[in-house]
C-alpha atoms as a PDB file:
ATOM      1  CA  MET A   1     -40.147 -24.874  36.790  1.00  0.00           C
ATOM      2  CA  ASN A   2     -40.954 -26.005  40.354  1.00  0.00           C
ATOM      3  CA  ASP A   3     -39.996 -24.516  43.734  1.00  0.00           C
ATOM      4  CA  ARG A   4     -37.138 -27.011  44.154  1.00  0.00           C
ATOM      5  CA  ALA A   5     -35.229 -25.190  41.416  1.00  0.00           C
ATOM      6  CA  LEU A   6     -34.653 -22.345  43.869  1.00  0.00           C
ATOM      7  CA  LYS A   7     -32.247 -24.619  45.792  1.00  0.00           C
ATOM      8  CA  VAL A   8     -29.816 -23.994  42.931  1.00  0.00           C
ATOM      9  CA  LEU A   9     -29.448 -20.404  44.171  1.00  0.00           C
ATOM     10  CA  GLU A  10     -27.381 -21.746  47.088  1.00  0.00           C
ATOM     11  CA  GLN A  11     -24.587 -22.166  44.526  1.00  0.00           C
ATOM     12  CA  TYR A  12     -24.472 -18.387  43.873  1.00  0.00           C
ATOM     13  CA  GLU A  13     -23.224 -15.336  45.715  1.00  0.00           C
ATOM     14  CA  LEU A  14     -26.602 -13.651  45.487  1.00  0.00           C
ATOM     15  CA  ASP A  15     -28.520 -11.670  48.099  1.00  0.00           C
ATOM     16  CA  VAL A  16     -32.066 -12.451  46.951  1.00  0.00           C
ATOM     17  CA  ILE A  17     -34.663 -10.091  48.405  1.00  0.00           C
ATOM     18  CA  ASN A  18     -37.714 -11.505  46.679  1.00  0.00           C
ATOM     19  CA  THR A  19     -38.661 -14.212  44.169  1.00  0.00           C
ATOM     20  CA  ARG A  20     -41.542 -14.347  41.716  1.00  0.00           C
ATOM     21  CA  ARG A  21     -42.552 -17.174  39.438  1.00  0.00           C
ATOM     22  CA  GLY A  22     -42.687 -16.274  35.755  1.00  0.00           C
ATOM     23  CA  ARG A  23     -43.303 -18.179  32.530  1.00  0.00           C
ATOM     24  CA  GLY A  24     -40.897 -21.105  32.842  1.00  0.00           C
ATOM     25  CA  ALA A  25     -38.548 -19.183  35.136  1.00  0.00           C
ATOM     26  CA  TRP A  26     -38.068 -17.422  38.465  1.00  0.00           C
ATOM     27  CA  PHE A  27     -37.556 -13.658  38.668  1.00  0.00           C
ATOM     28  CA  LEU A  28     -35.176 -12.656  41.439  1.00  0.00           C
ATOM     29  CA  GLU A  29     -34.938  -9.210  43.008  1.00  0.00           C
ATOM     30  CA  THR A  30     -31.456  -8.410  44.341  1.00  0.00           C
ATOM     31  CA  PRO A  31     -29.720  -5.207  45.526  1.00  0.00           C
ATOM     32  CA  GLY A  32     -27.841  -5.238  42.208  1.00  0.00           C
ATOM     33  CA  GLY A  33     -30.991  -5.416  40.096  1.00  0.00           C
ATOM     34  CA  ARG A  34     -33.274  -8.065  38.653  1.00  0.00           C
ATOM     35  CA  ARG A  35     -31.996 -11.541  37.828  1.00  0.00           C
ATOM     36  CA  ILE A  36     -33.691 -14.575  36.321  1.00  0.00           C
ATOM     37  CA  LEU A  37     -33.267 -18.286  37.091  1.00  0.00           C
ATOM     38  CA  SER A  38     -34.216 -20.523  34.174  1.00  0.00           C
ATOM     39  CA  ASP A  39     -33.751 -24.008  32.769  1.00  0.00           C
ATOM     40  CA  TYR A  40     -30.856 -24.414  30.362  1.00  0.00           C
ATOM     41  CA  SER A  41     -30.515 -27.095  27.722  1.00  0.00           C
ATOM     42  CA  GLY A  42     -27.101 -26.080  26.423  1.00  0.00           C
ATOM     43  CA  SER A  43     -23.596 -26.979  27.504  1.00  0.00           C
ATOM     44  CA  GLU A  44     -21.026 -24.986  29.460  1.00  0.00           C
ATOM     45  CA  ASP A  45     -19.281 -24.289  26.169  1.00  0.00           C
ATOM     46  CA  ARG A  46     -22.477 -22.927  24.632  1.00  0.00           C
ATOM     47  CA  ALA A  47     -22.915 -20.664  27.676  1.00  0.00           C
ATOM     48  CA  LEU A  48     -19.337 -19.425  27.264  1.00  0.00           C
ATOM     49  CA  PHE A  49     -20.089 -18.586  23.630  1.00  0.00           C
ATOM     50  CA  GLN A  50     -23.216 -16.664  24.661  1.00  0.00           C
ATOM     51  CA  ASN A  51     -21.218 -14.616  27.140  1.00  0.00           C
ATOM     52  CA  TYR A  52     -18.555 -14.026  24.471  1.00  0.00           C
ATOM     53  CA  VAL A  53     -21.319 -12.506  22.323  1.00  0.00           C
ATOM     54  CA  MET A  54     -22.708 -10.522  25.281  1.00  0.00           C
ATOM     55  CA  ALA A  55     -19.243  -9.073  25.952  1.00  0.00           C
ATOM     56  CA  MET A  56     -18.871  -8.126  22.274  1.00  0.00           C
ATOM     57  CA  ILE A  57     -22.206  -6.269  22.346  1.00  0.00           C
ATOM     58  CA  ARG A  58     -21.481  -4.499  25.621  1.00  0.00           C
ATOM     59  CA  GLU A  59     -18.051  -3.395  24.475  1.00  0.00           C
ATOM     60  CA  GLY A  60     -19.849  -1.666  21.612  1.00  0.00           C
ATOM     61  CA  GLY A  61     -21.891   0.357  24.093  1.00  0.00           C
ATOM     62  CA  TYR A  62     -25.115  -1.679  24.144  1.00  0.00           C
ATOM     63  CA  GLN A  63     -25.555  -2.755  27.774  1.00  0.00           C
ATOM     64  CA  ASN A  64     -29.068  -4.222  27.973  1.00  0.00           C
ATOM     65  CA  VAL A  65     -28.424  -7.888  27.171  1.00  0.00           C
ATOM     66  CA  ASP A  66     -28.860 -10.883  29.491  1.00  0.00           C
ATOM     67  CA  ARG A  67     -25.353 -11.967  30.463  1.00  0.00           C
ATOM     68  CA  ILE A  68     -25.125 -15.336  32.259  1.00  0.00           C
ATOM     69  CA  LEU A  69     -23.714 -15.064  35.782  1.00  0.00           C
ATOM     70  CA  PRO A  70     -21.134 -17.533  37.142  1.00  0.00           C
ATOM     71  CA  ASN A  71     -21.796 -19.558  40.293  1.00  0.00           C
ATOM     72  CA  ARG A  72     -19.375 -19.790  43.232  1.00  0.00           C
ATOM     73  CA  GLU A  73     -17.230 -22.314  41.363  1.00  0.00           C
ATOM     74  CA  GLY A  74     -17.008 -20.074  38.318  1.00  0.00           C
ATOM     75  CA  SER A  75     -19.285 -22.235  36.136  1.00  0.00           C
ATOM     76  CA  LEU A  76     -21.998 -20.611  34.056  1.00  0.00           C
ATOM     77  CA  VAL A  77     -24.258 -23.694  34.172  1.00  0.00           C
ATOM     78  CA  SER A  78     -25.429 -25.086  37.527  1.00  0.00           C
ATOM     79  CA  ARG A  79     -26.984 -28.489  38.219  1.00  0.00           C
ATOM     80  CA  ASP A  80     -29.392 -29.669  40.883  1.00  0.00           C
ATOM     81  CA  TRP A  81     -29.225 -33.086  42.595  1.00  0.00           C
ATOM     82  CA  GLU A  82     -31.109 -34.682  39.676  1.00  0.00           C
ATOM     83  CA  GLY A  83     -28.697 -33.287  37.095  1.00  0.00           C
ATOM     84  CA  ASN A  84     -31.095 -30.662  35.715  1.00  0.00           C
ATOM     85  CA  ARG A  85     -29.245 -27.641  34.322  1.00  0.00           C
ATOM     86  CA  TYR A  86     -29.946 -23.999  35.165  1.00  0.00           C
ATOM     87  CA  VAL A  87     -28.496 -20.571  34.530  1.00  0.00           C
ATOM     88  CA  VAL A  88     -28.878 -17.245  36.316  1.00  0.00           C
ATOM     89  CA  LYS A  89     -28.897 -14.177  34.068  1.00  0.00           C
ATOM     90  CA  GLU A  90     -29.023 -10.444  34.481  1.00  0.00           C
ATOM     91  CA  TRP A  91     -32.546  -9.278  33.619  1.00  0.00           C
ATOM     92  CA  TYR A  92     -34.513  -6.099  33.019  1.00  0.00           C
ATOM     93  CA  PRO A  93     -37.862  -4.806  34.270  1.00  0.00           C
ATOM     94  CA  GLY A  94     -39.983  -4.310  31.189  1.00  0.00           C
ATOM     95  CA  ARG A  95     -42.663  -5.795  28.952  1.00  0.00           C
ATOM     96  CA  GLU A  96     -42.585  -7.583  25.624  1.00  0.00           C
ATOM     97  CA  CYS A  97     -42.740  -5.570  22.415  1.00  0.00           C
ATOM     98  CA  ASP A  98     -46.370  -4.856  21.482  1.00  0.00           C
ATOM     99  CA  THR A  99     -47.046  -6.503  18.110  1.00  0.00           C
ATOM    100  CA  SER A 100     -50.098  -4.285  17.561  1.00  0.00           C
ATOM    101  CA  SER A 101     -48.016  -1.090  17.833  1.00  0.00           C
ATOM    102  CA  GLU A 102     -46.322  -0.096  14.575  1.00  0.00           C
ATOM    103  CA  ASN A 103     -44.070   2.291  16.478  1.00  0.00           C
ATOM    104  CA  GLU A 104     -42.772  -0.455  18.776  1.00  0.00           C
ATOM    105  CA  ILE A 105     -42.368  -2.878  15.863  1.00  0.00           C
ATOM    106  CA  LEU A 106     -40.169  -0.361  14.042  1.00  0.00           C
ATOM    107  CA  GLN A 107     -38.204   0.319  17.239  1.00  0.00           C
ATOM    108  CA  ALA A 108     -37.561  -3.428  17.541  1.00  0.00           C
ATOM    109  CA  VAL A 109     -36.322  -3.560  13.929  1.00  0.00           C
ATOM    110  CA  GLU A 110     -33.989  -0.609  14.526  1.00  0.00           C
ATOM    111  CA  ASN A 111     -32.794  -2.296  17.716  1.00  0.00           C
ATOM    112  CA  LEU A 112     -31.951  -5.434  15.728  1.00  0.00           C
ATOM    113  CA  ALA A 113     -29.968  -3.431  13.163  1.00  0.00           C
ATOM    114  CA  ARG A 114     -27.920  -1.778  15.936  1.00  0.00           C
ATOM    115  CA  LEU A 115     -27.215  -5.145  17.511  1.00  0.00           C
ATOM    116  CA  HIS A 116     -26.100  -6.582  14.190  1.00  0.00           C
ATOM    117  CA  ARG A 117     -23.608  -3.770  13.670  1.00  0.00           C
ATOM    118  CA  LEU A 118     -21.952  -4.791  16.949  1.00  0.00           C
ATOM    119  CA  MET A 119     -22.070  -8.563  16.393  1.00  0.00           C
ATOM    120  CA  LYS A 120     -19.019  -8.815  14.122  1.00  0.00           C
ATOM    121  CA  ALA A 121     -16.526 -11.490  15.141  1.00  0.00           C
ATOM    122  CA  GLY A 122     -12.779 -11.142  14.669  1.00  0.00           C
ATOM    123  CA  GLU A 123     -10.752 -13.398  12.408  1.00  0.00           C
ATOM    124  CA  GLN A 124      -9.844 -15.790  15.219  1.00  0.00           C
ATOM    125  CA  THR A 125     -12.385 -17.316  17.587  1.00  0.00           C
ATOM    126  CA  GLU A 126     -12.453 -20.832  18.960  1.00  0.00           C
ATOM    127  CA  PHE A 127     -16.247 -20.891  18.704  1.00  0.00           C
ATOM    128  CA  ARG A 128     -16.606 -20.516  14.924  1.00  0.00           C
ATOM    129  CA  LYS A 129     -16.244 -24.204  14.081  1.00  0.00           C
ATOM    130  CA  LYS A 130     -18.882 -25.346  16.597  1.00  0.00           C
ATOM    131  CA  TYR A 131     -21.468 -22.617  16.150  1.00  0.00           C
ATOM    132  CA  THR A 132     -21.648 -21.850  12.434  1.00  0.00           C
ATOM    133  CA  ALA A 133     -24.962 -22.379  10.654  1.00  0.00           C
ATOM    134  CA  GLN A 134     -25.480 -24.069   7.310  1.00  0.00           C
ATOM    135  CA  MET A 135     -25.559 -21.949   4.186  1.00  0.00           C
ATOM    136  CA  PRO A 136     -29.156 -21.019   3.220  1.00  0.00           C
ATOM    137  CA  SER A 137     -29.220 -23.244   0.128  1.00  0.00           C
ATOM    138  CA  GLU A 138     -28.107 -26.272   2.177  1.00  0.00           C
ATOM    139  CA  GLU A 139     -30.741 -25.476   4.787  1.00  0.00           C
ATOM    140  CA  MET A 140     -33.507 -25.204   2.199  1.00  0.00           C
ATOM    141  CA  CYS A 141     -32.428 -28.465   0.544  1.00  0.00           C
ATOM    142  CA  SER A 142     -32.829 -30.265   3.866  1.00  0.00           C
ATOM    143  CA  TRP A 143     -36.200 -28.585   4.480  1.00  0.00           C
ATOM    144  CA  ASN A 144     -37.485 -29.665   1.073  1.00  0.00           C
ATOM    145  CA  ALA A 145     -36.319 -33.218   1.685  1.00  0.00           C
ATOM    146  CA  GLN A 146     -38.179 -33.137   4.998  1.00  0.00           C
ATOM    147  CA  LEU A 147     -41.386 -32.018   3.246  1.00  0.00           C
ATOM    148  CA  ARG A 148     -41.083 -34.848   0.730  1.00  0.00           C
ATOM    149  CA  ARG A 149     -40.633 -37.422   3.528  1.00  0.00           C
ATOM    150  CA  ILE A 150     -43.703 -36.147   5.347  1.00  0.00           C
ATOM    151  CA  ARG A 151     -45.772 -36.279   2.176  1.00  0.00           C
ATOM    152  CA  ILE A 152     -44.733 -39.899   1.527  1.00  0.00           C
ATOM    153  CA  PHE A 153     -45.689 -40.765   5.110  1.00  0.00           C
ATOM    154  CA  VAL A 154     -49.116 -39.089   4.879  1.00  0.00           C
ATOM    155  CA  ARG A 155     -49.947 -40.637   1.516  1.00  0.00           C
ATOM    156  CA  ALA A 156     -49.175 -44.108   2.899  1.00  0.00           C
ATOM    157  CA  ARG A 157     -51.669 -43.777   5.765  1.00  0.00           C
ATOM    158  CA  HIS A 158     -54.865 -45.746   5.166  1.00  0.00           C
ATOM    159  CA  ARG A 159     -57.212 -43.694   7.318  1.00  0.00           C
ATOM    160  CA  LYS A 160     -56.416 -40.037   6.835  1.00  0.00           C
ATOM    161  CA  SER A 161     -57.559 -37.369   9.252  1.00  0.00           C
ATOM    162  CA  ALA A 162     -59.093 -34.080   8.104  1.00  0.00           C
ATOM    163  CA  PHE A 163     -55.733 -32.374   8.590  1.00  0.00           C
ATOM    164  CA  GLU A 164     -53.881 -35.033   6.572  1.00  0.00           C
ATOM    165  CA  GLN A 165     -56.341 -34.698   3.702  1.00  0.00           C
ATOM    166  CA  MET A 166     -56.021 -30.923   3.751  1.00  0.00           C
ATOM    167  CA  PHE A 167     -52.216 -31.208   3.897  1.00  0.00           C
ATOM    168  CA  LEU A 168     -52.159 -33.333   0.731  1.00  0.00           C
ATOM    169  CA  GLU A 169     -54.598 -31.014  -1.059  1.00  0.00           C
ATOM    170  CA  CYS A 170     -52.392 -27.952  -0.606  1.00  0.00           C
ATOM    171  CA  TYR A 171     -48.975 -29.666  -0.587  1.00  0.00           C
ATOM    172  CA  GLU A 172     -48.197 -29.080  -4.276  1.00  0.00           C
ATOM    173  CA  LYS A 173     -48.706 -25.315  -4.194  1.00  0.00           C
ATOM    174  CA  TYR A 174     -46.532 -24.869  -1.100  1.00  0.00           C
ATOM    175  CA  TYR A 175     -43.829 -27.239  -2.304  1.00  0.00           C
ATOM    176  CA  ALA A 176     -43.697 -25.371  -5.624  1.00  0.00           C
ATOM    177  CA  LYS A 177     -42.888 -22.173  -3.716  1.00  0.00           C
ATOM    178  CA  ALA A 178     -40.272 -24.046  -1.679  1.00  0.00           C
ATOM    179  CA  GLN A 179     -38.566 -25.147  -4.895  1.00  0.00           C
ATOM    180  CA  GLU A 180     -38.832 -21.663  -6.379  1.00  0.00           C
ATOM    181  CA  ALA A 181     -37.187 -20.173  -3.286  1.00  0.00           C
ATOM    182  CA  LEU A 182     -34.312 -22.667  -3.522  1.00  0.00           C
ATOM    183  CA  GLU A 183     -33.794 -21.904  -7.222  1.00  0.00           C
ATOM    184  CA  LEU A 184     -33.725 -18.180  -6.451  1.00  0.00           C
ATOM    185  CA  LEU A 185     -31.006 -18.739  -3.854  1.00  0.00           C
ATOM    186  CA  THR A 186     -28.792 -20.806  -6.116  1.00  0.00           C
ATOM    187  CA  GLN A 187     -28.810 -18.311  -9.005  1.00  0.00           C
ATOM    188  CA  GLY A 188     -25.490 -16.513  -9.353  1.00  0.00           C
ATOM    189  CA  ARG A 189     -22.326 -17.941  -7.872  1.00  0.00           C
ATOM    190  CA  ASP A 190     -20.855 -14.573  -6.868  1.00  0.00           C
ATOM    191  CA  GLY A 191     -23.820 -13.750  -4.646  1.00  0.00           C
ATOM    192  CA  MET A 192     -23.502 -17.012  -2.743  1.00  0.00           C
ATOM    193  CA  GLU A 193     -19.783 -16.510  -2.188  1.00  0.00           C
ATOM    194  CA  SER A 194     -20.371 -13.053  -0.736  1.00  0.00           C
ATOM    195  CA  LEU A 195     -23.024 -14.506   1.576  1.00  0.00           C
ATOM    196  CA  GLN A 196     -20.582 -17.145   2.819  1.00  0.00           C
ATOM    197  CA  THR A 197     -18.025 -14.445   3.638  1.00  0.00           C
ATOM    198  CA  GLU A 198     -20.742 -12.483   5.451  1.00  0.00           C
ATOM    199  CA  ARG A 199     -21.855 -15.558   7.420  1.00  0.00           C
ATOM    200  CA  ASP A 200     -18.346 -16.426   8.604  1.00  0.00           C
ATOM    201  CA  GLY A 201     -17.739 -12.970  10.054  1.00  0.00           C
ATOM    202  CA  CYS A 202     -21.113 -12.190  11.600  1.00  0.00           C
ATOM    203  CA  ILE A 203     -23.163 -13.460  14.520  1.00  0.00           C
ATOM    204  CA  CYS A 204     -26.952 -13.435  14.658  1.00  0.00           C
ATOM    205  CA  HIS A 205     -29.375 -13.717  17.571  1.00  0.00           C
ATOM    206  CA  GLY A 206     -30.938 -16.903  16.201  1.00  0.00           C
ATOM    207  CA  ASP A 207     -34.444 -16.393  17.613  1.00  0.00           C
ATOM    208  CA  TYR A 208     -35.194 -12.661  17.491  1.00  0.00           C
ATOM    209  CA  SER A 209     -38.894 -12.170  18.175  1.00  0.00           C
ATOM    210  CA  HIS A 210     -41.184  -9.818  20.093  1.00  0.00           C
ATOM    211  CA  HIS A 211     -40.952 -12.170  23.079  1.00  0.00           C
ATOM    212  CA  HIS A 212     -37.241 -11.370  23.416  1.00  0.00           C
ATOM    213  CA  VAL A 213     -37.476  -7.599  23.008  1.00  0.00           C
ATOM    214  CA  LEU A 214     -38.275  -5.914  26.322  1.00  0.00           C
ATOM    215  CA  VAL A 215     -39.506  -2.312  26.365  1.00  0.00           C
ATOM    216  CA  CYS A 216     -38.042  -0.759  29.521  1.00  0.00           C
ATOM    217  CA  GLY A 217     -39.344   2.793  29.607  1.00  0.00           C
ATOM    218  CA  TYR A 218     -37.341   4.707  27.002  1.00  0.00           C
ATOM    219  CA  GLU A 219     -34.860   1.860  26.522  1.00  0.00           C
ATOM    220  CA  ILE A 220     -34.969  -1.597  24.942  1.00  0.00           C
ATOM    221  CA  ALA A 221     -33.361  -4.767  26.292  1.00  0.00           C
ATOM    222  CA  THR A 222     -32.686  -7.829  24.147  1.00  0.00           C
ATOM    223  CA  THR A 223     -32.789 -11.281  25.748  1.00  0.00           C
ATOM    224  CA  ASN A 224     -32.543 -15.031  25.075  1.00  0.00           C
ATOM    225  CA  PHE A 225     -29.449 -15.395  22.930  1.00  0.00           C
ATOM    226  CA  ASP A 226     -29.514 -19.181  23.504  1.00  0.00           C
ATOM    227  CA  ARG A 227     -29.474 -19.845  19.734  1.00  0.00           C
ATOM    228  CA  CYS A 228     -26.906 -17.229  18.719  1.00  0.00           C
ATOM    229  CA  ARG A 229     -24.469 -18.446  16.073  1.00  0.00           C
ATOM    230  CA  PHE A 230     -22.269 -17.422  13.170  1.00  0.00           C
ATOM    231  CA  ASP A 231     -24.845 -16.841  10.469  1.00  0.00           C
ATOM    232  CA  LEU A 232     -26.297 -14.381   7.995  1.00  0.00           C
ATOM    233  CA  GLN A 233     -27.784 -11.590  10.050  1.00  0.00           C
ATOM    234  CA  VAL A 234     -30.677 -10.827   7.716  1.00  0.00           C
ATOM    235  CA  LYS A 235     -32.078 -14.230   8.700  1.00  0.00           C
ATOM    236  CA  ASP A 236     -32.862 -12.605  12.070  1.00  0.00           C
ATOM    237  CA  LEU A 237     -34.672  -9.845  10.208  1.00  0.00           C
ATOM    238  CA  CYS A 238     -36.645 -12.345   8.112  1.00  0.00           C
ATOM    239  CA  HIS A 239     -37.629 -14.327  11.216  1.00  0.00           C
ATOM    240  CA  PHE A 240     -38.877 -11.211  13.004  1.00  0.00           C
ATOM    241  CA  MET A 241     -40.695  -9.850   9.947  1.00  0.00           C
ATOM    242  CA  ARG A 242     -42.422 -13.159   9.274  1.00  0.00           C
ATOM    243  CA  LYS A 243     -43.692 -13.407  12.857  1.00  0.00           C
ATOM    244  CA  ILE A 244     -45.017  -9.839  12.789  1.00  0.00           C
ATOM    245  CA  LEU A 245     -46.503  -9.932   9.284  1.00  0.00           C
ATOM    246  CA  GLU A 246     -48.361 -13.170  10.003  1.00  0.00           C
ATOM    247  CA  LYS A 247     -50.075 -11.311  12.855  1.00  0.00           C
ATOM    248  CA  GLN A 248     -50.739  -8.314  10.571  1.00  0.00           C
ATOM    249  CA  ASP A 249     -52.110 -10.312   7.590  1.00  0.00           C
ATOM    250  CA  TRP A 250     -48.979  -9.533   5.560  1.00  0.00           C
ATOM    251  CA  ASN A 251     -49.476  -5.761   5.570  1.00  0.00           C
ATOM    252  CA  ILE A 252     -47.300  -4.541   2.665  1.00  0.00           C
ATOM    253  CA  ARG A 253     -46.910  -1.005   3.999  1.00  0.00           C
ATOM    254  CA  LEU A 254     -45.711  -2.261   7.374  1.00  0.00           C
ATOM    255  CA  GLY A 255     -43.347  -4.757   5.748  1.00  0.00           C
ATOM    256  CA  THR A 256     -41.699  -2.111   3.568  1.00  0.00           C
ATOM    257  CA  ARG A 257     -41.352   0.230   6.555  1.00  0.00           C
ATOM    258  CA  MET A 258     -39.639  -2.529   8.540  1.00  0.00           C
ATOM    259  CA  LEU A 259     -37.132  -3.123   5.729  1.00  0.00           C
ATOM    260  CA  ALA A 260     -36.482   0.614   5.400  1.00  0.00           C
ATOM    261  CA  ALA A 261     -35.994   1.057   9.164  1.00  0.00           C
ATOM    262  CA  TYR A 262     -33.431  -1.747   9.262  1.00  0.00           C
ATOM    263  CA  SER A 263     -31.497  -0.701   6.157  1.00  0.00           C
ATOM    264  CA  GLN A 264     -31.155   2.903   7.329  1.00  0.00           C
ATOM    265  CA  ILE A 265     -28.986   1.645  10.200  1.00  0.00           C
ATOM    266  CA  ARG A 266     -27.445  -1.449   8.612  1.00  0.00           C
ATOM    267  CA  PRO A 267     -27.486  -1.312   4.785  1.00  0.00           C
ATOM    268  CA  ILE A 268     -28.573  -4.523   3.036  1.00  0.00           C
ATOM    269  CA  SER A 269     -26.418  -5.833   0.185  1.00  0.00           C
ATOM    270  CA  ARG A 270     -27.850  -7.079  -3.133  1.00  0.00           C
ATOM    271  CA  ALA A 271     -27.040 -10.680  -2.184  1.00  0.00           C
ATOM    272  CA  GLU A 272     -28.823 -10.211   1.146  1.00  0.00           C
ATOM    273  CA  GLN A 273     -31.830  -8.694  -0.643  1.00  0.00           C
ATOM    274  CA  ARG A 274     -32.097 -11.851  -2.718  1.00  0.00           C
ATOM    275  CA  LEU A 275     -31.815 -13.968   0.427  1.00  0.00           C
ATOM    276  CA  ILE A 276     -34.610 -11.979   2.066  1.00  0.00           C
ATOM    277  CA  ARG A 277     -36.836 -12.524  -0.970  1.00  0.00           C
ATOM    278  CA  ALA A 278     -36.074 -16.245  -1.011  1.00  0.00           C
ATOM    279  CA  ARG A 279     -36.705 -16.617   2.733  1.00  0.00           C
ATOM    280  CA  MET A 280     -39.988 -14.727   2.572  1.00  0.00           C
ATOM    281  CA  LEU A 281     -41.048 -16.750  -0.470  1.00  0.00           C
ATOM    282  CA  TYR A 282     -40.288 -20.040   1.270  1.00  0.00           C
ATOM    283  CA  PRO A 283     -43.447 -21.529   2.947  1.00  0.00           C
ATOM    284  CA  GLU A 284     -41.759 -21.684   6.337  1.00  0.00           C
ATOM    285  CA  LYS A 285     -44.941 -21.908   8.384  1.00  0.00           C
ATOM    286  CA  PHE A 286     -46.234 -24.777   6.255  1.00  0.00           C
ATOM    287  CA  ARG A 287     -42.964 -26.663   6.780  1.00  0.00           C
ATOM    288  CA  LYS A 288     -42.998 -26.079  10.534  1.00  0.00           C
ATOM    289  CA  LEU A 289     -46.616 -27.154  10.830  1.00  0.00           C
ATOM    290  CA  ALA A 290     -45.890 -30.308   8.821  1.00  0.00           C
ATOM    291  CA  ALA A 291     -42.846 -31.085  10.983  1.00  0.00           C
ATOM    292  CA  SER A 292     -44.851 -30.528  14.167  1.00  0.00           C
ATOM    293  CA  TYR A 293     -47.546 -32.912  12.920  1.00  0.00           C
ATOM    294  CA  TYR A 294     -44.932 -35.509  11.917  1.00  0.00           C
ATOM    295  CA  ASP A 295     -43.408 -35.454  15.423  1.00  0.00           C
ATOM    296  CA  SER A 296     -46.775 -35.560  17.190  1.00  0.00           C
ATOM    297  CA  ASN A 297     -49.013 -38.398  18.365  1.00  0.00           C
ATOM    298  CA  LYS A 298     -50.906 -39.404  15.193  1.00  0.00           C
ATOM    299  CA  ALA A 299     -53.629 -41.204  17.171  1.00  0.00           C
ATOM    300  CA  TRP A 300     -55.179 -37.820  18.006  1.00  0.00           C
ATOM    301  CA  ILE A 301     -54.499 -34.751  15.882  1.00  0.00           C
ATOM    302  CA  SER A 302     -55.451 -31.449  17.476  1.00  0.00           C
ATOM    303  CA  ARG A 303     -58.023 -29.224  15.786  1.00  0.00           C
ATOM    304  CA  GLN A 304     -55.397 -26.484  16.003  1.00  0.00           C
ATOM    305  CA  TYR A 305     -53.473 -28.062  13.136  1.00  0.00           C
ATOM    306  CA  ILE A 306     -56.479 -27.602  10.853  1.00  0.00           C
ATOM    307  CA  GLU A 307     -57.086 -24.054  12.086  1.00  0.00           C
ATOM    308  CA  LYS A 308     -53.468 -23.074  11.475  1.00  0.00           C
ATOM    309  CA  LEU A 309     -53.490 -24.540   7.982  1.00  0.00           C
ATOM    310  CA  GLU A 310     -56.789 -22.802   7.171  1.00  0.00           C
ATOM    311  CA  LYS A 311     -55.370 -19.466   8.334  1.00  0.00           C
ATOM    312  CA  MET A 312     -52.214 -20.086   6.310  1.00  0.00           C
ATOM    313  CA  ASN A 313     -54.285 -20.740   3.180  1.00  0.00           C
ATOM    314  CA  ARG A 314     -56.293 -17.544   3.760  1.00  0.00           C
ATOM    315  CA  GLN A 315     -53.106 -15.472   4.054  1.00  0.00           C
ATOM    316  CA  GLU A 316     -51.210 -17.071   1.174  1.00  0.00           C
ATOM    317  CA  GLY A 317     -52.347 -14.556  -1.451  1.00  0.00           C
ATOM    318  CA  ALA A 318     -51.326 -11.596   0.714  1.00  0.00           C
ATOM    319  CA  ARG A 319     -47.978 -13.239   1.489  1.00  0.00           C
ATOM    320  CA  LEU A 320     -47.166 -13.691  -2.188  1.00  0.00           C
ATOM    321  CA  GLU A 321     -48.191 -10.108  -2.918  1.00  0.00           C
ATOM    322  CA  PHE A 322     -45.662  -8.944  -0.319  1.00  0.00           C
ATOM    323  CA  VAL A 323     -42.967 -11.125  -1.869  1.00  0.00           C
ATOM    324  CA  LYS A 324     -43.596  -9.470  -5.252  1.00  0.00           C
ATOM    325  CA  ILE A 325     -42.577  -6.053  -3.938  1.00  0.00           C
ATOM    326  CA  LEU A 326     -39.233  -7.313  -2.586  1.00  0.00           C
END
């Protein structure tokens, strides 16, 4: 974000004392506390939904979330002269959750469980139709179809790079786990129906990671609800656990402690337990790496793709051992 973005602040009733450039944003010091100016890719309606969720959380007594502030005209999304979109949010002085600290990891899991208990939508909301995620089985079906398309594309290439050769060599073992995860999800009609009921009444963060958990002294703030939606909340838990366990070489003891910390605050149903097992079994990182390659410039493939796939292969045994204990 360049300095010209600060011109957008003229659209707000803000007394800015100081500005500091951050990662893709500007931090603003005001008499009322810290604010942040950042790019925004969503619509005004999406911003309204985010603030609906922020209000729900705050009404439950959890105050440290990044509500979007309106400009002078009452809009939550502001535009510069080129049409670029920005938002100003309330922010908190703190640092990201330390992924090497087991104590902070468990605090972040407990924080997520408390948030989830508050993120329960009423029967009527105008946002449900627009911002409801697919059911997990539908999502996995589309992911598996994506993997098959990428494999067909790679096999058709005449001159294959080192990454493409490695991708084909390990494709079958990862795709087998993808199919196994899908079959696990589709077993038992009653479980799927209970998950659909759960999805329709709950809202999840959508991108809960250590980057969005700020440790502010003795308190925690949760930020970046840009992807919040009506969805199964344990998908947030799976996303966070996967990110952490990849960094911790799939430490079984840590993984079980994370599950226990969450379930002590928000109990996990049997259907959700099966979903967690299926999500952790699914080779999500392999799929994301394949999709990233597919969308990239094939004329030059970064060495990082090979390094990530090599690391994934090294960790695969430990990952499957963790899945066994679920």
